[in-house]
Amino acid sequence: MNLSRVLATIVSLTSLSCAHAALTPENVERQILDLEYQRQQAQLRGDWQTIQRLNAPEFTEIAGTGLIRTAAQNAEAMRSGLLKFDKVDYSDQRVHLYGNVAILTGIGHRSGSFGGTAFEQRFRYTRIYVRQDGAWRVVFAQTTRIEAPAQ
């Protein structure tokens, strides 16, 4: 699914959310932050099944390098051992609720290896969660590297 279709889905779901019972921002914030903790722990364990469960089938990610990855590619990198994490920290997380859509922003700091090459990255990130069949799942994510200041 391309980016424009993902965004169209989000807009459609947002407009439909008005017909459903209101979700309290505090309750949703707790749920989303719990899911983020589950993601962090799954990344540290290499638990690709949990990552696959947290991401919707139509999940799309734009990585800090500009690479676009699907839900299947995201899970496969961990399943195959291509991607391994040593450290995963998320901070400064903010959740904004728009009906059945929750937008999470934060700062991440991860290290590990990709294809045997070590990496360490700090980044700002956005994840868009959509409530589907009573569960929150990520449909879109984007990361932007935080570069060291020029000296």
N, C-alpha and C. Protein backbone atom coordinates (compact mmCIF):
# COMPACT_ATOMS: atom_id res chain seq x y z
N MET A 1 0.85 -1.16 0.00
CA MET A 1 0.00 0.00 0.00
C MET A 1 0.90 1.23 0.00
N ASN A 2 0.64 2.19 -0.87
CA ASN A 2 1.50 3.36 -0.93
C ASN A 2 1.09 4.39 0.12
N LEU A 3 1.92 5.39 0.31
CA LEU A 3 1.73 6.38 1.35
C LEU A 3 0.41 7.12 1.21
N SER A 4 0.01 7.49 -0.01
CA SER A 4 -1.24 8.23 -0.18
C SER A 4 -2.45 7.39 0.22
N ARG A 5 -2.39 6.07 -0.01
CA ARG A 5 -3.50 5.19 0.40
C ARG A 5 -3.54 5.06 1.92
N VAL A 6 -2.36 5.01 2.56
CA VAL A 6 -2.32 4.93 4.02
C VAL A 6 -2.94 6.19 4.61
N LEU A 7 -2.55 7.35 4.09
CA LEU A 7 -3.08 8.60 4.61
C LEU A 7 -4.58 8.73 4.34
N ALA A 8 -5.05 8.25 3.18
CA ALA A 8 -6.49 8.27 2.88
C ALA A 8 -7.25 7.38 3.86
N THR A 9 -6.67 6.24 4.21
CA THR A 9 -7.29 5.34 5.19
C THR A 9 -7.40 6.03 6.54
N ILE A 10 -6.35 6.73 6.93
CA ILE A 10 -6.35 7.43 8.22
C ILE A 10 -7.45 8.48 8.25
N VAL A 11 -7.56 9.27 7.18
CA VAL A 11 -8.60 10.30 7.11
C VAL A 11 -9.98 9.68 7.19
N SER A 12 -10.20 8.58 6.47
CA SER A 12 -11.50 7.90 6.49
C SER A 12 -11.82 7.40 7.88
N LEU A 13 -10.86 6.78 8.53
CA LEU A 13 -11.09 6.25 9.86
C LEU A 13 -11.33 7.37 10.87
N THR A 14 -10.66 8.49 10.70
CA THR A 14 -10.87 9.61 11.59
C THR A 14 -12.30 10.12 11.48
N SER A 15 -12.82 10.24 10.27
CA SER A 15 -14.19 10.73 10.10
C SER A 15 -15.20 9.73 10.62
N LEU A 16 -14.93 8.45 10.50
CA LEU A 16 -15.84 7.43 11.02
C LEU A 16 -15.84 7.39 12.54
N SER A 17 -14.75 7.82 13.15
CA SER A 17 -14.62 7.71 14.60
C SER A 17 -15.65 8.56 15.33
N CYS A 18 -16.19 9.58 14.69
CA CYS A 18 -17.17 10.44 15.34
C CYS A 18 -18.44 9.66 15.69
N ALA A 19 -18.73 8.58 14.99
CA ALA A 19 -19.94 7.81 15.23
C ALA A 19 -19.77 6.83 16.39
N HIS A 20 -18.56 6.65 16.91
CA HIS A 20 -18.30 5.70 17.97
C HIS A 20 -18.24 6.41 19.32
N ALA A 21 -18.32 5.63 20.37
CA ALA A 21 -18.23 6.17 21.72
C ALA A 21 -16.89 6.87 21.89
N ALA A 22 -16.90 7.97 22.63
CA ALA A 22 -15.68 8.75 22.85
C ALA A 22 -14.69 7.97 23.70
N LEU A 23 -13.43 8.04 23.34
CA LEU A 23 -12.35 7.45 24.10
C LEU A 23 -11.70 8.58 24.89
N THR A 24 -11.43 8.37 26.16
CA THR A 24 -10.82 9.45 26.94
C THR A 24 -9.34 9.56 26.59
N PRO A 25 -8.86 10.77 26.45
CA PRO A 25 -7.44 10.95 26.11
C PRO A 25 -6.50 10.28 27.11
N GLU A 26 -6.83 10.32 28.39
CA GLU A 26 -5.96 9.72 29.41
C GLU A 26 -5.89 8.20 29.23
N ASN A 27 -7.03 7.58 28.99
CA ASN A 27 -7.08 6.13 28.80
C ASN A 27 -6.30 5.73 27.55
N VAL A 28 -6.51 6.45 26.47
CA VAL A 28 -5.81 6.15 25.22
C VAL A 28 -4.31 6.36 25.39
N GLU A 29 -3.92 7.44 26.06
CA GLU A 29 -2.49 7.68 26.26
C GLU A 29 -1.84 6.50 26.99
N ARG A 30 -2.49 6.00 28.04
CA ARG A 30 -1.95 4.84 28.76
C ARG A 30 -1.84 3.62 27.85
N GLN A 31 -2.87 3.38 27.03
CA GLN A 31 -2.86 2.23 26.12
C GLN A 31 -1.72 2.34 25.11
N ILE A 32 -1.57 3.52 24.51
CA ILE A 32 -0.53 3.71 23.49
C ILE A 32 0.86 3.59 24.10
N LEU A 33 1.07 4.19 25.26
CA LEU A 33 2.38 4.10 25.90
C LEU A 33 2.70 2.67 26.32
N ASP A 34 1.68 1.91 26.70
CA ASP A 34 1.88 0.49 27.00
C ASP A 34 2.29 -0.26 25.73
N LEU A 35 1.66 0.04 24.61
CA LEU A 35 2.03 -0.61 23.35
C LEU A 35 3.46 -0.24 22.95
N GLU A 36 3.86 0.99 23.21
CA GLU A 36 5.23 1.40 22.92
C GLU A 36 6.23 0.64 23.79
N TYR A 37 5.85 0.39 25.05
CA TYR A 37 6.72 -0.41 25.93
C TYR A 37 6.81 -1.85 25.40
N GLN A 38 5.68 -2.40 24.96
CA GLN A 38 5.69 -3.74 24.37
C GLN A 38 6.60 -3.78 23.14
N ARG A 39 6.56 -2.73 22.31
CA ARG A 39 7.42 -2.65 21.12
C ARG A 39 8.89 -2.63 21.54
N GLN A 40 9.21 -1.79 22.52
CA GLN A 40 10.58 -1.69 23.00
C GLN A 40 11.09 -3.05 23.48
N GLN A 41 10.31 -3.73 24.30
CA GLN A 41 10.73 -5.02 24.83
C GLN A 41 10.85 -6.07 23.71
N ALA A 42 9.93 -6.05 22.75
CA ALA A 42 9.99 -6.99 21.62
C ALA A 42 11.24 -6.74 20.78
N GLN A 43 11.59 -5.47 20.57
CA GLN A 43 12.78 -5.16 19.79
C GLN A 43 14.03 -5.70 20.51
N LEU A 44 14.09 -5.53 21.81
CA LEU A 44 15.24 -6.02 22.57
C LEU A 44 15.35 -7.54 22.55
N ARG A 45 14.21 -8.23 22.52
CA ARG A 45 14.20 -9.70 22.50
C ARG A 45 14.28 -10.28 21.09
N GLY A 46 14.13 -9.43 20.06
CA GLY A 46 14.08 -9.93 18.70
C GLY A 46 12.76 -10.64 18.42
N ASP A 47 11.71 -10.23 19.12
CA ASP A 47 10.40 -10.87 19.04
C ASP A 47 9.60 -10.29 17.87
N TRP A 48 9.85 -10.81 16.70
CA TRP A 48 9.22 -10.29 15.48
C TRP A 48 7.71 -10.55 15.47
N GLN A 49 7.23 -11.59 16.16
CA GLN A 49 5.79 -11.86 16.18
C GLN A 49 5.03 -10.74 16.88
N THR A 50 5.60 -10.22 17.97
CA THR A 50 4.95 -9.10 18.66
C THR A 50 4.97 -7.86 17.78
N ILE A 51 6.08 -7.61 17.12
CA ILE A 51 6.15 -6.47 16.20
C ILE A 51 5.08 -6.62 15.11
N GLN A 52 4.94 -7.81 14.59
CA GLN A 52 3.94 -8.06 13.55
C GLN A 52 2.53 -7.83 14.09
N ARG A 53 2.28 -8.19 15.34
CA ARG A 53 0.96 -7.99 15.96
C ARG A 53 0.69 -6.51 16.21
N LEU A 54 1.70 -5.76 16.59
CA LEU A 54 1.53 -4.34 16.88
C LEU A 54 1.30 -3.51 15.62
N ASN A 55 1.86 -3.96 14.50
CA ASN A 55 1.71 -3.25 13.23
C ASN A 55 0.52 -3.80 12.46
N ALA A 56 -0.27 -2.91 11.88
CA ALA A 56 -1.37 -3.33 11.02
C ALA A 56 -0.80 -3.92 9.73
N PRO A 57 -1.54 -4.79 9.05
CA PRO A 57 -1.04 -5.37 7.80
C PRO A 57 -0.65 -4.30 6.77
N GLU A 58 -1.32 -3.16 6.79
CA GLU A 58 -1.03 -2.10 5.82
C GLU A 58 0.04 -1.12 6.30
N PHE A 59 0.73 -1.47 7.39
CA PHE A 59 1.78 -0.63 7.96
C PHE A 59 2.81 -0.22 6.91
N THR A 60 3.19 1.05 6.96
CA THR A 60 4.26 1.59 6.13
C THR A 60 5.18 2.42 7.03
N GLU A 61 6.47 2.29 6.82
CA GLU A 61 7.45 3.04 7.59
C GLU A 61 8.37 3.79 6.64
N ILE A 62 8.65 5.04 6.98
CA ILE A 62 9.69 5.79 6.29
C ILE A 62 10.84 5.92 7.29
N ALA A 63 11.93 5.22 7.01
CA ALA A 63 13.08 5.22 7.91
C ALA A 63 13.85 6.53 7.79
N GLY A 64 14.75 6.75 8.74
CA GLY A 64 15.57 7.97 8.74
C GLY A 64 16.41 8.14 7.50
N THR A 65 16.66 7.05 6.79
CA THR A 65 17.43 7.10 5.55
C THR A 65 16.55 7.40 4.34
N GLY A 66 15.23 7.43 4.55
CA GLY A 66 14.30 7.65 3.45
C GLY A 66 13.76 6.35 2.87
N LEU A 67 14.28 5.23 3.33
CA LEU A 67 13.83 3.92 2.87
C LEU A 67 12.40 3.68 3.32
N ILE A 68 11.57 3.14 2.44
CA ILE A 68 10.19 2.79 2.77
C ILE A 68 10.13 1.28 3.00
N ARG A 69 9.54 0.90 4.16
CA ARG A 69 9.42 -0.52 4.50
C ARG A 69 7.97 -0.85 4.84
N THR A 70 7.58 -2.07 4.52
CA THR A 70 6.24 -2.57 4.81
C THR A 70 6.24 -3.33 6.14
N ALA A 71 5.05 -3.73 6.59
CA ALA A 71 4.94 -4.53 7.81
C ALA A 71 5.72 -5.83 7.67
N ALA A 72 5.60 -6.48 6.52
CA ALA A 72 6.29 -7.75 6.30
C ALA A 72 7.81 -7.56 6.33
N GLN A 73 8.31 -6.50 5.69
CA GLN A 73 9.75 -6.24 5.68
C GLN A 73 10.25 -5.90 7.09
N ASN A 74 9.44 -5.16 7.82
CA ASN A 74 9.79 -4.77 9.18
C ASN A 74 9.97 -6.00 10.07
N ALA A 75 9.01 -6.92 10.03
CA ALA A 75 9.07 -8.14 10.84
C ALA A 75 10.18 -9.08 10.35
N GLU A 76 10.33 -9.19 9.03
CA GLU A 76 11.32 -10.12 8.46
C GLU A 76 12.75 -9.74 8.84
N ALA A 77 13.04 -8.45 8.93
CA ALA A 77 14.39 -8.03 9.30
C ALA A 77 14.77 -8.57 10.68
N MET A 78 13.79 -8.60 11.59
CA MET A 78 14.05 -9.15 12.93
C MET A 78 14.03 -10.68 12.90
N ARG A 79 13.07 -11.26 12.20
CA ARG A 79 12.94 -12.72 12.16
C ARG A 79 14.20 -13.37 11.62
N SER A 80 14.75 -12.79 10.57
CA SER A 80 15.93 -13.35 9.91
C SER A 80 17.22 -13.11 10.68
N GLY A 81 17.19 -12.21 11.66
CA GLY A 81 18.40 -11.87 12.39
C GLY A 81 19.21 -10.77 11.73
N LEU A 82 18.70 -10.25 10.60
CA LEU A 82 19.37 -9.15 9.92
C LEU A 82 19.47 -7.93 10.83
N LEU A 83 18.39 -7.67 11.60
CA LEU A 83 18.33 -6.53 12.50
C LEU A 83 18.29 -7.03 13.94
N LYS A 84 19.25 -6.55 14.74
CA LYS A 84 19.32 -6.91 16.16
C LYS A 84 19.55 -5.64 16.96
N PHE A 85 18.83 -5.53 18.07
CA PHE A 85 18.96 -4.37 18.94
C PHE A 85 19.66 -4.74 20.24
N ASP A 86 20.58 -3.86 20.68
CA ASP A 86 21.24 -3.98 21.99
C ASP A 86 20.60 -3.03 22.98
N LYS A 87 20.16 -1.89 22.46
CA LYS A 87 19.59 -0.84 23.30
C LYS A 87 18.41 -0.24 22.55
N VAL A 88 17.30 -0.03 23.26
CA VAL A 88 16.13 0.65 22.70
C VAL A 88 15.55 1.51 23.81
N ASP A 89 15.64 2.82 23.67
CA ASP A 89 15.07 3.75 24.64
C ASP A 89 14.17 4.74 23.90
N TYR A 90 13.01 4.98 24.46
CA TYR A 90 12.09 6.00 23.94
C TYR A 90 11.84 7.01 25.04
N SER A 91 11.81 8.29 24.69
CA SER A 91 11.55 9.35 25.67
C SER A 91 10.73 10.46 25.01
N ASP A 92 10.37 11.43 25.83
CA ASP A 92 9.62 12.61 25.37
C ASP A 92 8.39 12.22 24.55
N GLN A 93 7.72 11.15 24.94
CA GLN A 93 6.57 10.66 24.18
C GLN A 93 5.33 11.50 24.47
N ARG A 94 4.65 11.85 23.40
CA ARG A 94 3.39 12.61 23.48
C ARG A 94 2.36 11.90 22.62
N VAL A 95 1.15 11.75 23.15
CA VAL A 95 0.06 11.11 22.43
C VAL A 95 -1.02 12.14 22.17
N HIS A 96 -1.47 12.23 20.93
CA HIS A 96 -2.54 13.13 20.53
C HIS A 96 -3.66 12.27 19.96
N LEU A 97 -4.86 12.42 20.50
CA LEU A 97 -5.99 11.59 20.11
C LEU A 97 -6.93 12.35 19.18
N TYR A 98 -7.31 11.70 18.08
CA TYR A 98 -8.26 12.22 17.11
C TYR A 98 -9.26 11.11 16.81
N GLY A 99 -10.21 10.89 17.72
CA GLY A 99 -11.18 9.82 17.54
C GLY A 99 -10.50 8.47 17.63
N ASN A 100 -10.58 7.68 16.57
CA ASN A 100 -9.96 6.36 16.52
C ASN A 100 -8.55 6.40 15.96
N VAL A 101 -7.94 7.58 15.93
CA VAL A 101 -6.56 7.74 15.48
C VAL A 101 -5.77 8.40 16.61
N ALA A 102 -4.63 7.83 16.94
CA ALA A 102 -3.73 8.40 17.94
C ALA A 102 -2.38 8.60 17.28
N ILE A 103 -1.84 9.80 17.43
CA ILE A 103 -0.54 10.12 16.87
C ILE A 103 0.44 10.25 18.02
N LEU A 104 1.49 9.45 17.96
CA LEU A 104 2.51 9.44 18.99
C LEU A 104 3.78 10.07 18.42
N THR A 105 4.38 10.98 19.18
CA THR A 105 5.69 11.52 18.81
C THR A 105 6.64 11.29 19.97
N GLY A 106 7.91 11.19 19.67
CA GLY A 106 8.89 10.98 20.72
C GLY A 106 10.30 11.03 20.20
N ILE A 107 11.21 10.73 21.08
CA ILE A 107 12.63 10.66 20.75
C ILE A 107 13.08 9.23 21.03
N GLY A 108 13.85 8.66 20.13
CA GLY A 108 14.37 7.30 20.29
C GLY A 108 15.87 7.29 20.28
N HIS A 109 16.42 6.30 20.96
CA HIS A 109 17.87 6.07 20.96
C HIS A 109 18.04 4.56 20.91
N ARG A 110 18.60 4.08 19.81
CA ARG A 110 18.78 2.63 19.63
C ARG A 110 20.20 2.34 19.18
N SER A 111 20.63 1.14 19.54
CA SER A 111 21.90 0.63 19.01
C SER A 111 21.72 -0.86 18.77
N GLY A 112 22.56 -1.38 17.91
CA GLY A 112 22.50 -2.79 17.57
C GLY A 112 23.31 -3.05 16.33
N SER A 113 22.83 -3.99 15.51
CA SER A 113 23.50 -4.27 14.25
C SER A 113 22.49 -4.54 13.15
N PHE A 114 22.86 -4.19 11.94
CA PHE A 114 22.04 -4.46 10.76
C PHE A 114 22.97 -5.11 9.74
N GLY A 115 22.66 -6.36 9.42
CA GLY A 115 23.51 -7.09 8.49
C GLY A 115 24.93 -7.26 8.99
N GLY A 116 25.10 -7.31 10.32
CA GLY A 116 26.42 -7.49 10.90
C GLY A 116 27.18 -6.21 11.14
N THR A 117 26.64 -5.07 10.69
CA THR A 117 27.29 -3.78 10.88
C THR A 117 26.65 -3.06 12.06
N ALA A 118 27.47 -2.65 13.02
CA ALA A 118 26.97 -1.98 14.22
C ALA A 118 26.41 -0.60 13.86
N PHE A 119 25.40 -0.19 14.61
CA PHE A 119 24.84 1.15 14.44
C PHE A 119 24.42 1.69 15.79
N GLU A 120 24.34 3.00 15.87
CA GLU A 120 23.75 3.71 16.99
C GLU A 120 23.03 4.90 16.39
N GLN A 121 21.80 5.13 16.82
CA GLN A 121 21.04 6.23 16.25
C GLN A 121 20.16 6.90 17.29
N ARG A 122 20.10 8.20 17.17
CA ARG A 122 19.14 9.02 17.93
C ARG A 122 18.23 9.64 16.89
N PHE A 123 16.94 9.67 17.20
CA PHE A 123 15.98 10.14 16.21
C PHE A 123 14.71 10.64 16.87
N ARG A 124 14.02 11.48 16.14
CA ARG A 124 12.64 11.83 16.49
C ARG A 124 11.76 10.91 15.67
N TYR A 125 10.62 10.55 16.23
CA TYR A 125 9.76 9.63 15.49
C TYR A 125 8.29 9.96 15.69
N THR A 126 7.51 9.51 14.73
CA THR A 126 6.06 9.61 14.76
C THR A 126 5.52 8.23 14.42
N ARG A 127 4.55 7.79 15.21
CA ARG A 127 3.80 6.57 14.87
C ARG A 127 2.33 6.93 14.89
N ILE A 128 1.62 6.46 13.89
CA ILE A 128 0.18 6.69 13.82
C ILE A 128 -0.52 5.37 14.12
N TYR A 129 -1.29 5.38 15.19
CA TYR A 129 -2.07 4.22 15.62
C TYR A 129 -3.52 4.43 15.19
N VAL A 130 -4.16 3.36 14.75
CA VAL A 130 -5.58 3.38 14.40
C VAL A 130 -6.25 2.29 15.21
N ARG A 131 -7.40 2.61 15.78
CA ARG A 131 -8.16 1.61 16.54
C ARG A 131 -9.00 0.81 15.55
N GLN A 132 -8.67 -0.49 15.41
CA GLN A 132 -9.35 -1.40 14.49
C GLN A 132 -9.83 -2.61 15.28
N ASP A 133 -11.11 -2.93 15.16
CA ASP A 133 -11.67 -4.09 15.85
C ASP A 133 -11.33 -4.08 17.34
N GLY A 134 -11.39 -2.91 17.95
CA GLY A 134 -11.16 -2.79 19.39
C GLY A 134 -9.71 -2.76 19.82
N ALA A 135 -8.77 -2.79 18.89
CA ALA A 135 -7.34 -2.80 19.24
C ALA A 135 -6.60 -1.70 18.48
N TRP A 136 -5.61 -1.11 19.15
CA TRP A 136 -4.76 -0.11 18.52
C TRP A 136 -3.63 -0.80 17.77
N ARG A 137 -3.45 -0.41 16.49
CA ARG A 137 -2.35 -0.95 15.68
C ARG A 137 -1.70 0.19 14.92
N VAL A 138 -0.41 0.05 14.68
CA VAL A 138 0.33 1.09 13.97
C VAL A 138 0.13 0.93 12.47
N VAL A 139 -0.27 2.02 11.79
CA VAL A 139 -0.43 1.99 10.34
C VAL A 139 0.68 2.75 9.63
N PHE A 140 1.36 3.65 10.36
CA PHE A 140 2.40 4.45 9.72
C PHE A 140 3.41 4.88 10.76
N ALA A 141 4.69 4.92 10.36
CA ALA A 141 5.75 5.42 11.22
C ALA A 141 6.78 6.15 10.37
N GLN A 142 7.40 7.16 10.97
CA GLN A 142 8.49 7.87 10.29
C GLN A 142 9.51 8.27 11.33
N THR A 143 10.78 8.11 10.98
CA THR A 143 11.86 8.55 11.87
C THR A 143 12.73 9.57 11.16
N THR A 144 13.25 10.49 11.93
CA THR A 144 14.17 11.51 11.42
C THR A 144 15.38 11.52 12.33
N ARG A 145 16.54 11.29 11.77
CA ARG A 145 17.76 11.26 12.57
C ARG A 145 18.01 12.59 13.25
N ILE A 146 18.52 12.52 14.47
CA ILE A 146 18.98 13.71 15.17
C ILE A 146 20.48 13.73 14.97
N GLU A 147 20.94 14.68 14.21
CA GLU A 147 22.37 14.80 13.90
C GLU A 147 23.09 15.52 15.03
N ALA A 148 24.35 15.19 15.22
CA ALA A 148 25.17 15.89 16.19
C ALA A 148 25.33 17.33 15.71
N PRO A 149 25.32 18.28 16.63
CA PRO A 149 25.48 19.68 16.22
C PRO A 149 26.83 19.92 15.55
N ALA A 150 26.84 20.78 14.54
CA ALA A 150 28.09 21.14 13.87
C ALA A 150 28.98 21.89 14.84
N GLN A 151 30.28 21.61 14.78
CA GLN A 151 31.19 22.28 15.72
C GLN A 151 32.12 23.20 15.01
